[in-house]
């Protein structure tokens, strides 16, 4: 998977909607930075390494020289420093981010992680910043959305369970209006017209409170194994949602998605289970 620049949005707090999701993504600075525009790249890199992401976005718009300095090397000191300041040590020293090739990609993934302010009251986001923990609350189904949703472009992320699934364990997408908690043990994601989900327990596709068939569409589809990473691919241009297991493309699960802001989301029922979600960026074709 390719790893584009980090997307806009606060590192913590409420969720927002992103079009393409790239820092300085679609264009470079075209103005003049005066004397600053003539500074050596190494000097600029040193200065930029002390700035926060919002400040770096503004710097990228100053001139082409500054833009190239920021976006030319995804493992530069600028992104290494920001990564070290923004991400928890646990996230950097474990294999949570093993499929992200650069410091810049890791910063971007953190910007797109679960929102601490947009989840059920019965879950919390662990200190690593990427893993949801569901508390052992009886007769409750609990979910979470990411900080940033998408209305344009193509996006991919990985999701995996690190504990028992229980009777229902759903991954997919949701609008801002979809509920993230309900009574009982149900397939919360896919329970209304505001969310779309794949139940990993029985392999059913769910939307608008109805089962939309089994997935993947093959005989004797293998059951999900705890710890197995599922790749989710959202294409807002074709309006589709697809899944991959390992390097196997499982197919398109949903078509005709609405042109609204859609957020990566999950819902869980098992007490003390944990779910990790890592945003990867734009998917590679083929």
Foldseek 3Di string as FASTA:
>chain_A
DDFAFAFDFDLADAAEEDAQGHLCPPHFACADPPPVLVDDLVVLLVVLLPDESVVLSVQRNHHRSSVCSVHVDQAGSNLVSNLVVRFDPVLVPDCLPVVADGSRSSVNQSRFAWYQHFWDPQWGQDRRSFKIWGAQDPFKKIKTWTRYFYLYAKWKKKKFKQDDQPPWKKWWKFASPQDGMDGGDDHSAQCAQGHWIATLAQQFTHHHRDTPDGWLPDPPDDGDDHPWIKMWMQHNVQQWIFIDTPNRTRDTDDGDHDSHTMTTMIMGNHHGMMMGMTIRHHDDDD
